[in-house]
Amino acid sequence: MALGGSGGIAETCGDGIVDPGEQCDLGAANEISLALSVTQAGQSFSAAPLVRSGSSAAFYDYASFSSHTGFEALGASRIMLYLDRSTLLLSLAVFHGVDRDSTGEEQPLSHVQMLFSGLPETTTVEVSDDSDELLMTSSTTATGFWRFINNSDGGVLAGLPYPGDWKVTIEPSFIDGISTWTFLAGDGSLVNLDLSQPLTIEARSSHGSCRTDCTVPRCGDGVLDGGEICDDGRLSSSTCNTDCTSFD
């Protein structure tokens, strides 16, 4: 995602002097403060949630021991943020593999474990395929332990403050049956992740004064900055309120 600016970053951006073509320049204080971001192995990207009307449990659509989000795939693990636009409740969903009854594809015997740490104390388990597969182990940690064959498996952690200030770390162990791990972005695109590396999802409730490309964060620029609920770039089909704090 391009984070503002139309002509690239000027060579002088970051020197603390506002030069022609720059909107601002705070030098070393320039920063990108996204509302939600994912970082893994030193690489970061926007983690805008998938926005739908309805609860995260309804989106997960648990039935016949499987999730039915429409994003399941053979041998694939997905992780994503989901936002119920009617309640503005944010959730973290994970699901692995695919349901044979729904797709005809046969997910092999699979085994996945995940450790979630740094969870806000408001976090709860919204969906667990089986009662003992996804558990809160303390007020800020959770563990997922999934063994499955010919179906998908996973769960949902709900109650993440949004806007908020928190940083959740997910440590995965893909033992059998999963060959790809991806983050599912709000526009439906998939970002490939490293199967062997932990990742962090960070939320920020405010943005900086100047980005690293020397543009000023503002509502309507298409970048989901800290403190914003939504920002669709003020397109003609806009669904985001003009102050970027609610949906129309």
C-alpha atoms as a PDB file:
ATOM      1  CA  MET A   1       0.000   0.000   0.000  1.00  0.00           C
ATOM      2  CA  ALA A   2       1.293   3.450  -0.910  1.00  0.00           C
ATOM      3  CA  LEU A   3       1.247   5.659   2.142  1.00  0.00           C
ATOM      4  CA  GLY A   4       0.544   9.086   0.670  1.00  0.00           C
ATOM      5  CA  GLY A   5       2.341  11.279  -1.838  1.00  0.00           C
ATOM      6  CA  SER A   6       2.172  11.081  -5.620  1.00  0.00           C
ATOM      7  CA  GLY A   7       5.724  11.638  -6.712  1.00  0.00           C
ATOM      8  CA  GLY A   8       7.675   9.315  -4.448  1.00  0.00           C
ATOM      9  CA  ILE A   9       9.778  10.253  -1.446  1.00  0.00           C
ATOM     10  CA  ALA A  10      12.050  13.246  -1.998  1.00  0.00           C
ATOM     11  CA  GLU A  11      15.721  12.745  -1.225  1.00  0.00           C
ATOM     12  CA  THR A  12      15.478  15.490   1.376  1.00  0.00           C
ATOM     13  CA  CYS A  13      12.496  13.970   3.196  1.00  0.00           C
ATOM     14  CA  GLY A  14      13.600  13.206   6.720  1.00  0.00           C
ATOM     15  CA  ASP A  15      16.122  15.996   7.089  1.00  0.00           C
ATOM     16  CA  GLY A  16      13.819  18.022   9.344  1.00  0.00           C
ATOM     17  CA  ILE A  17      13.335  20.814   6.779  1.00  0.00           C
ATOM     18  CA  VAL A  18      10.039  21.237   4.907  1.00  0.00           C
ATOM     19  CA  ASP A  19      11.226  21.478   1.312  1.00  0.00           C
ATOM     20  CA  PRO A  20       9.107  22.207  -1.794  1.00  0.00           C
ATOM     21  CA  GLY A  21       6.772  19.274  -2.449  1.00  0.00           C
ATOM     22  CA  GLU A  22       6.772  18.170   1.180  1.00  0.00           C
ATOM     23  CA  GLN A  23       3.757  18.659   3.428  1.00  0.00           C
ATOM     24  CA  CYS A  24       5.825  18.238   6.591  1.00  0.00           C
ATOM     25  CA  ASP A  25       9.212  17.027   7.792  1.00  0.00           C
ATOM     26  CA  LEU A  26       9.997  16.204  11.409  1.00  0.00           C
ATOM     27  CA  GLY A  27      13.256  14.457  10.627  1.00  0.00           C
ATOM     28  CA  ALA A  28      13.759  11.400  12.825  1.00  0.00           C
ATOM     29  CA  ALA A  29      10.262  11.899  14.258  1.00  0.00           C
ATOM     30  CA  ASN A  30       8.623  11.075  10.913  1.00  0.00           C
ATOM     31  CA  GLU A  31       6.656   7.850  11.332  1.00  0.00           C
ATOM     32  CA  ILE A  32       3.971   5.627   9.860  1.00  0.00           C
ATOM     33  CA  SER A  33       1.359   5.040  12.563  1.00  0.00           C
ATOM     34  CA  LEU A  34      -1.266   2.743  11.077  1.00  0.00           C
ATOM     35  CA  ALA A  35      -4.456   1.902  12.934  1.00  0.00           C
ATOM     36  CA  LEU A  36      -3.657  -1.796  12.439  1.00  0.00           C
ATOM     37  CA  SER A  37      -0.459  -3.342  11.135  1.00  0.00           C
ATOM     38  CA  VAL A  38       1.212  -6.736  10.810  1.00  0.00           C
ATOM     39  CA  THR A  39       4.942  -7.247  11.283  1.00  0.00           C
ATOM     40  CA  GLN A  40       6.867 -10.432  10.607  1.00  0.00           C
ATOM     41  CA  ALA A  41      10.618 -10.882  10.209  1.00  0.00           C
ATOM     42  CA  GLY A  42      11.130  -7.117   9.907  1.00  0.00           C
ATOM     43  CA  GLN A  43       8.495  -6.614   7.209  1.00  0.00           C
ATOM     44  CA  SER A  44       5.333  -4.608   7.979  1.00  0.00           C
ATOM     45  CA  PHE A  45       2.087  -3.953   6.160  1.00  0.00           C
ATOM     46  CA  SER A  46      -1.379  -2.558   6.801  1.00  0.00           C
ATOM     47  CA  ALA A  47      -3.747  -4.995   8.502  1.00  0.00           C
ATOM     48  CA  ALA A  48      -7.049  -3.414   7.557  1.00  0.00           C
ATOM     49  CA  PRO A  49      -9.864  -5.721   8.703  1.00  0.00           C
ATOM     50  CA  LEU A  50     -12.462  -7.417   6.575  1.00  0.00           C
ATOM     51  CA  VAL A  51     -15.637  -5.403   7.226  1.00  0.00           C
ATOM     52  CA  ARG A  52     -19.011  -7.107   7.102  1.00  0.00           C
ATOM     53  CA  SER A  53     -22.386  -6.682   8.745  1.00  0.00           C
ATOM     54  CA  GLY A  54     -22.806  -9.448  11.292  1.00  0.00           C
ATOM     55  CA  SER A  55     -20.880 -10.971  14.142  1.00  0.00           C
ATOM     56  CA  SER A  56     -17.559 -12.749  13.794  1.00  0.00           C
ATOM     57  CA  ALA A  57     -19.285 -15.987  14.826  1.00  0.00           C
ATOM     58  CA  ALA A  58     -21.770 -15.580  11.963  1.00  0.00           C
ATOM     59  CA  PHE A  59     -18.892 -14.908   9.563  1.00  0.00           C
ATOM     60  CA  TYR A  60     -16.996 -17.992  10.756  1.00  0.00           C
ATOM     61  CA  ASP A  61     -20.209 -19.992  10.206  1.00  0.00           C
ATOM     62  CA  TYR A  62     -19.229 -23.060  12.191  1.00  0.00           C
ATOM     63  CA  ALA A  63     -20.997 -26.207  11.008  1.00  0.00           C
ATOM     64  CA  SER A  64     -20.097 -29.883  10.485  1.00  0.00           C
ATOM     65  CA  PHE A  65     -16.879 -29.357  12.472  1.00  0.00           C
ATOM     66  CA  SER A  66     -15.659 -26.692  10.008  1.00  0.00           C
ATOM     67  CA  SER A  67     -15.531 -22.979   9.256  1.00  0.00           C
ATOM     68  CA  HIS A  68     -17.357 -21.731   6.165  1.00  0.00           C
ATOM     69  CA  THR A  69     -16.021 -18.215   5.545  1.00  0.00           C
ATOM     70  CA  GLY A  70     -15.493 -18.794   1.827  1.00  0.00           C
ATOM     71  CA  PHE A  71     -11.755 -18.190   2.193  1.00  0.00           C
ATOM     72  CA  GLU A  72     -10.731 -21.728   3.187  1.00  0.00           C
ATOM     73  CA  ALA A  73      -8.257 -23.591   0.965  1.00  0.00           C
ATOM     74  CA  LEU A  74      -6.587 -26.987   0.854  1.00  0.00           C
ATOM     75  CA  GLY A  75      -3.378 -27.063   2.900  1.00  0.00           C
ATOM     76  CA  ALA A  76      -3.686 -23.370   3.766  1.00  0.00           C
ATOM     77  CA  SER A  77      -3.848 -21.512   7.069  1.00  0.00           C
ATOM     78  CA  ARG A  78      -5.415 -18.049   7.182  1.00  0.00           C
ATOM     79  CA  ILE A  79      -5.209 -15.342   9.819  1.00  0.00           C
ATOM     80  CA  MET A  80      -7.260 -12.170   9.643  1.00  0.00           C
ATOM     81  CA  LEU A  81      -9.009  -9.345  11.458  1.00  0.00           C
ATOM     82  CA  TYR A  82     -12.779  -9.101  11.163  1.00  0.00           C
ATOM     83  CA  LEU A  83     -14.868  -5.995  11.935  1.00  0.00           C
ATOM     84  CA  ASP A  84     -18.617  -6.067  12.448  1.00  0.00           C
ATOM     85  CA  ARG A  85     -19.585  -2.721  10.925  1.00  0.00           C
ATOM     86  CA  SER A  86     -22.854  -2.535  12.843  1.00  0.00           C
ATOM     87  CA  THR A  87     -21.231  -2.872  16.282  1.00  0.00           C
ATOM     88  CA  LEU A  88     -17.585  -1.934  15.473  1.00  0.00           C
ATOM     89  CA  LEU A  89     -16.458  -5.059  17.340  1.00  0.00           C
ATOM     90  CA  LEU A  90     -13.046  -6.288  16.162  1.00  0.00           C
ATOM     91  CA  SER A  91     -12.040  -9.953  16.199  1.00  0.00           C
ATOM     92  CA  LEU A  92      -9.026 -12.068  15.252  1.00  0.00           C
ATOM     93  CA  ALA A  93      -9.879 -15.198  13.277  1.00  0.00           C
ATOM     94  CA  VAL A  94      -7.708 -18.153  12.282  1.00  0.00           C
ATOM     95  CA  PHE A  95      -8.721 -21.153  10.209  1.00  0.00           C
ATOM     96  CA  HIS A  96      -6.801 -23.990   8.628  1.00  0.00           C
ATOM     97  CA  GLY A  97      -7.568 -26.378   5.791  1.00  0.00           C
ATOM     98  CA  VAL A  98     -10.826 -27.016   3.986  1.00  0.00           C
ATOM     99  CA  ASP A  99     -14.066 -28.935   4.536  1.00  0.00           C
ATOM    100  CA  ARG A 100     -14.474 -31.990   2.289  1.00  0.00           C
ATOM    101  CA  ASP A 101     -18.267 -31.940   2.581  1.00  0.00           C
ATOM    102  CA  SER A 102     -18.394 -28.398   1.165  1.00  0.00           C
ATOM    103  CA  THR A 103     -15.657 -28.629  -1.492  1.00  0.00           C
ATOM    104  CA  GLY A 104     -14.935 -32.278  -2.273  1.00  0.00           C
ATOM    105  CA  GLU A 105     -11.270 -31.640  -1.465  1.00  0.00           C
ATOM    106  CA  GLU A 106      -9.613 -33.930   1.045  1.00  0.00           C
ATOM    107  CA  GLN A 107      -7.609 -32.151   3.706  1.00  0.00           C
ATOM    108  CA  PRO A 108      -4.918 -34.575   4.946  1.00  0.00           C
ATOM    109  CA  LEU A 109      -4.345 -35.347   8.588  1.00  0.00           C
ATOM    110  CA  SER A 110      -3.166 -31.998   9.949  1.00  0.00           C
ATOM    111  CA  HIS A 111      -1.764 -30.628  13.182  1.00  0.00           C
ATOM    112  CA  VAL A 112      -1.396 -26.905  14.016  1.00  0.00           C
ATOM    113  CA  GLN A 113      -0.552 -25.131  17.256  1.00  0.00           C
ATOM    114  CA  MET A 114      -0.545 -21.387  17.958  1.00  0.00           C
ATOM    115  CA  LEU A 115       0.358 -19.336  21.013  1.00  0.00           C
ATOM    116  CA  PHE A 116      -1.239 -15.888  21.299  1.00  0.00           C
ATOM    117  CA  SER A 117       0.362 -13.433  23.734  1.00  0.00           C
ATOM    118  CA  GLY A 118      -0.122  -9.759  24.549  1.00  0.00           C
ATOM    119  CA  LEU A 119      -3.880 -10.011  24.110  1.00  0.00           C
ATOM    120  CA  PRO A 120      -5.927  -7.140  25.542  1.00  0.00           C
ATOM    121  CA  GLU A 121      -7.616  -8.166  28.786  1.00  0.00           C
ATOM    122  CA  THR A 122     -10.997  -7.722  27.102  1.00  0.00           C
ATOM    123  CA  THR A 123     -10.281 -10.676  24.772  1.00  0.00           C
ATOM    124  CA  THR A 124     -12.613 -13.669  24.823  1.00  0.00           C
ATOM    125  CA  VAL A 125     -12.916 -16.874  22.798  1.00  0.00           C
ATOM    126  CA  GLU A 126     -15.840 -16.228  20.443  1.00  0.00           C
ATOM    127  CA  VAL A 127     -15.575 -19.480  18.459  1.00  0.00           C
ATOM    128  CA  SER A 128     -13.752 -22.709  19.226  1.00  0.00           C
ATOM    129  CA  ASP A 129     -14.448 -25.628  16.881  1.00  0.00           C
ATOM    130  CA  ASP A 130     -14.226 -27.905  19.898  1.00  0.00           C
ATOM    131  CA  SER A 131     -14.357 -26.649  23.463  1.00  0.00           C
ATOM    132  CA  ASP A 132     -10.733 -27.518  24.210  1.00  0.00           C
ATOM    133  CA  GLU A 133      -9.072 -26.426  20.942  1.00  0.00           C
ATOM    134  CA  LEU A 134      -8.822 -22.659  21.472  1.00  0.00           C
ATOM    135  CA  LEU A 135      -8.503 -21.566  25.092  1.00  0.00           C
ATOM    136  CA  MET A 136      -7.663 -18.450  27.055  1.00  0.00           C
ATOM    137  CA  THR A 137      -4.761 -19.541  29.262  1.00  0.00           C
ATOM    138  CA  SER A 138      -4.574 -16.224  31.131  1.00  0.00           C
ATOM    139  CA  SER A 139      -6.132 -12.774  30.808  1.00  0.00           C
ATOM    140  CA  THR A 140      -3.615 -11.926  28.043  1.00  0.00           C
ATOM    141  CA  THR A 141      -2.682 -15.289  26.475  1.00  0.00           C
ATOM    142  CA  ALA A 142      -4.446 -18.001  24.500  1.00  0.00           C
ATOM    143  CA  THR A 143      -3.466 -21.326  22.970  1.00  0.00           C
ATOM    144  CA  GLY A 144      -4.784 -23.073  19.885  1.00  0.00           C
ATOM    145  CA  PHE A 145      -4.239 -26.806  19.457  1.00  0.00           C
ATOM    146  CA  TRP A 146      -5.844 -28.314  16.362  1.00  0.00           C
ATOM    147  CA  ARG A 147      -5.767 -31.851  14.911  1.00  0.00           C
ATOM    148  CA  PHE A 148      -8.074 -32.451  11.952  1.00  0.00           C
ATOM    149  CA  ILE A 149      -8.629 -34.420   8.754  1.00  0.00           C
ATOM    150  CA  ASN A 150     -11.005 -33.802   5.827  1.00  0.00           C
ATOM    151  CA  ASN A 151     -12.304 -30.611   7.408  1.00  0.00           C
ATOM    152  CA  SER A 152     -11.143 -27.153   8.413  1.00  0.00           C
ATOM    153  CA  ASP A 153     -10.304 -26.105  11.956  1.00  0.00           C
ATOM    154  CA  GLY A 154      -9.665 -22.851  13.791  1.00  0.00           C
ATOM    155  CA  GLY A 155     -11.380 -20.294  15.976  1.00  0.00           C
ATOM    156  CA  VAL A 156     -12.077 -16.637  16.754  1.00  0.00           C
ATOM    157  CA  LEU A 157     -10.761 -14.346  19.484  1.00  0.00           C
ATOM    158  CA  ALA A 158     -13.086 -11.385  20.038  1.00  0.00           C
ATOM    159  CA  GLY A 159     -13.138  -8.209  22.105  1.00  0.00           C
ATOM    160  CA  LEU A 160     -10.101  -6.432  20.627  1.00  0.00           C
ATOM    161  CA  PRO A 161     -10.374  -2.661  21.332  1.00  0.00           C
ATOM    162  CA  TYR A 162     -10.674  -0.617  18.137  1.00  0.00           C
ATOM    163  CA  PRO A 163      -9.324   2.005  18.015  1.00  0.00           C
ATOM    164  CA  GLY A 164      -6.864   0.766  20.596  1.00  0.00           C
ATOM    165  CA  ASP A 165      -3.260   0.453  21.669  1.00  0.00           C
ATOM    166  CA  TRP A 166      -2.111  -3.143  21.861  1.00  0.00           C
ATOM    167  CA  LYS A 167       0.346  -5.577  20.296  1.00  0.00           C
ATOM    168  CA  VAL A 168      -0.489  -9.263  19.926  1.00  0.00           C
ATOM    169  CA  THR A 169       2.149 -11.845  19.024  1.00  0.00           C
ATOM    170  CA  ILE A 170       1.236 -15.149  17.372  1.00  0.00           C
ATOM    171  CA  GLU A 171       3.761 -17.982  17.491  1.00  0.00           C
ATOM    172  CA  PRO A 172       2.782 -20.770  15.049  1.00  0.00           C
ATOM    173  CA  SER A 173       3.735 -24.423  14.804  1.00  0.00           C
ATOM    174  CA  PHE A 174       2.608 -26.043  11.562  1.00  0.00           C
ATOM    175  CA  ILE A 175       3.374 -29.670  12.248  1.00  0.00           C
ATOM    176  CA  ASP A 176       1.423 -31.497   9.521  1.00  0.00           C
ATOM    177  CA  GLY A 177      -0.927 -30.811   6.641  1.00  0.00           C
ATOM    178  CA  ILE A 178      -0.393 -27.060   6.143  1.00  0.00           C
ATOM    179  CA  SER A 179       1.944 -25.748   3.429  1.00  0.00           C
ATOM    180  CA  THR A 180       1.006 -22.041   3.259  1.00  0.00           C
ATOM    181  CA  TRP A 181       0.202 -19.376   5.836  1.00  0.00           C
ATOM    182  CA  THR A 182      -1.368 -16.084   4.724  1.00  0.00           C
ATOM    183  CA  PHE A 183      -2.858 -12.928   6.177  1.00  0.00           C
ATOM    184  CA  LEU A 184      -6.270 -12.200   4.690  1.00  0.00           C
ATOM    185  CA  ALA A 185      -6.528  -8.437   4.145  1.00  0.00           C
ATOM    186  CA  GLY A 186      -9.683  -6.344   4.217  1.00  0.00           C
ATOM    187  CA  ASP A 187      -9.865  -6.166   0.422  1.00  0.00           C
ATOM    188  CA  GLY A 188      -9.765  -9.960   0.179  1.00  0.00           C
ATOM    189  CA  SER A 189      -6.137 -10.130  -0.937  1.00  0.00           C
ATOM    190  CA  LEU A 190      -3.694 -12.590   0.624  1.00  0.00           C
ATOM    191  CA  VAL A 191      -0.257 -11.691   1.989  1.00  0.00           C
ATOM    192  CA  ASN A 192       2.129 -14.624   2.247  1.00  0.00           C
ATOM    193  CA  LEU A 193       3.654 -15.270   5.670  1.00  0.00           C
ATOM    194  CA  ASP A 194       6.652 -17.281   6.812  1.00  0.00           C
ATOM    195  CA  LEU A 195       5.443 -20.560   8.289  1.00  0.00           C
ATOM    196  CA  SER A 196       8.291 -20.653  10.801  1.00  0.00           C
ATOM    197  CA  GLN A 197       8.275 -17.080  12.122  1.00  0.00           C
ATOM    198  CA  PRO A 198       6.072 -15.382  14.732  1.00  0.00           C
ATOM    199  CA  LEU A 199       4.111 -12.314  13.710  1.00  0.00           C
ATOM    200  CA  THR A 200       2.730  -9.342  15.578  1.00  0.00           C
ATOM    201  CA  ILE A 201      -0.501  -7.468  15.007  1.00  0.00           C
ATOM    202  CA  GLU A 202      -0.381  -3.947  16.411  1.00  0.00           C
ATOM    203  CA  ALA A 203      -3.154  -1.406  16.949  1.00  0.00           C
ATOM    204  CA  ARG A 204      -2.666   2.311  17.503  1.00  0.00           C
ATOM    205  CA  SER A 205      -5.279   4.793  18.619  1.00  0.00           C
ATOM    206  CA  SER A 206      -3.514   7.908  17.282  1.00  0.00           C
ATOM    207  CA  HIS A 207      -1.312   8.819  14.352  1.00  0.00           C
ATOM    208  CA  GLY A 208       1.864  10.815  14.045  1.00  0.00           C
ATOM    209  CA  SER A 209       2.107  14.333  12.680  1.00  0.00           C
ATOM    210  CA  CYS A 210       4.206  13.456   9.643  1.00  0.00           C
ATOM    211  CA  ARG A 211       4.676  10.242   7.687  1.00  0.00           C
ATOM    212  CA  THR A 212       8.028   8.909   6.479  1.00  0.00           C
ATOM    213  CA  ASP A 213       7.194  10.184   2.968  1.00  0.00           C
ATOM    214  CA  CYS A 214       6.667  13.706   4.394  1.00  0.00           C
ATOM    215  CA  THR A 215       2.893  13.742   3.967  1.00  0.00           C
ATOM    216  CA  VAL A 216       0.446  14.647   6.725  1.00  0.00           C
ATOM    217  CA  PRO A 217      -1.966  11.886   7.803  1.00  0.00           C
ATOM    218  CA  ARG A 218      -5.559  12.930   7.203  1.00  0.00           C
ATOM    219  CA  CYS A 219      -8.987  11.385   6.992  1.00  0.00           C
ATOM    220  CA  GLY A 220      -9.890  10.673   3.374  1.00  0.00           C
ATOM    221  CA  ASP A 221      -6.410   9.895   2.043  1.00  0.00           C
ATOM    222  CA  GLY A 222      -7.100   6.169   1.757  1.00  0.00           C
ATOM    223  CA  VAL A 223      -4.648   5.166   4.500  1.00  0.00           C
ATOM    224  CA  LEU A 224      -6.035   3.635   7.691  1.00  0.00           C
ATOM    225  CA  ASP A 225      -4.118   5.745  10.194  1.00  0.00           C
ATOM    226  CA  GLY A 226      -4.106   5.351  13.951  1.00  0.00           C
ATOM    227  CA  GLY A 227      -7.418   6.433  15.472  1.00  0.00           C
ATOM    228  CA  GLU A 228      -9.415   5.836  12.284  1.00  0.00           C
ATOM    229  CA  ILE A 229     -12.109   3.170  12.003  1.00  0.00           C
ATOM    230  CA  CYS A 230     -12.197   3.373   8.217  1.00  0.00           C
ATOM    231  CA  ASP A 231     -10.721   5.422   5.359  1.00  0.00           C
ATOM    232  CA  ASP A 232     -11.857   4.669   1.819  1.00  0.00           C
ATOM    233  CA  GLY A 233     -10.156   7.606   0.134  1.00  0.00           C
ATOM    234  CA  ARG A 234     -13.440   9.487  -0.205  1.00  0.00           C
ATOM    235  CA  LEU A 235     -14.432   7.485  -3.284  1.00  0.00           C
ATOM    236  CA  SER A 236     -17.781   8.080  -4.971  1.00  0.00           C
ATOM    237  CA  SER A 237     -19.039   4.840  -3.412  1.00  0.00           C
ATOM    238  CA  SER A 238     -17.884   5.989   0.020  1.00  0.00           C
ATOM    239  CA  THR A 239     -19.222   4.101   3.020  1.00  0.00           C
ATOM    240  CA  CYS A 240     -16.957   5.782   5.578  1.00  0.00           C
ATOM    241  CA  ASN A 241     -18.089   8.856   7.492  1.00  0.00           C
ATOM    242  CA  THR A 242     -16.255  12.091   6.719  1.00  0.00           C
ATOM    243  CA  ASP A 243     -14.385  11.978  10.045  1.00  0.00           C
ATOM    244  CA  CYS A 244     -13.248   8.364   9.497  1.00  0.00           C
ATOM    245  CA  THR A 245     -14.592   7.274  12.886  1.00  0.00           C
ATOM    246  CA  SER A 246     -17.740   5.435  11.738  1.00  0.00           C
ATOM    247  CA  PHE A 247     -19.491   3.944   8.739  1.00  0.00           C
ATOM    248  CA  ASP A 248     -22.336   5.688   6.892  1.00  0.00           C
END
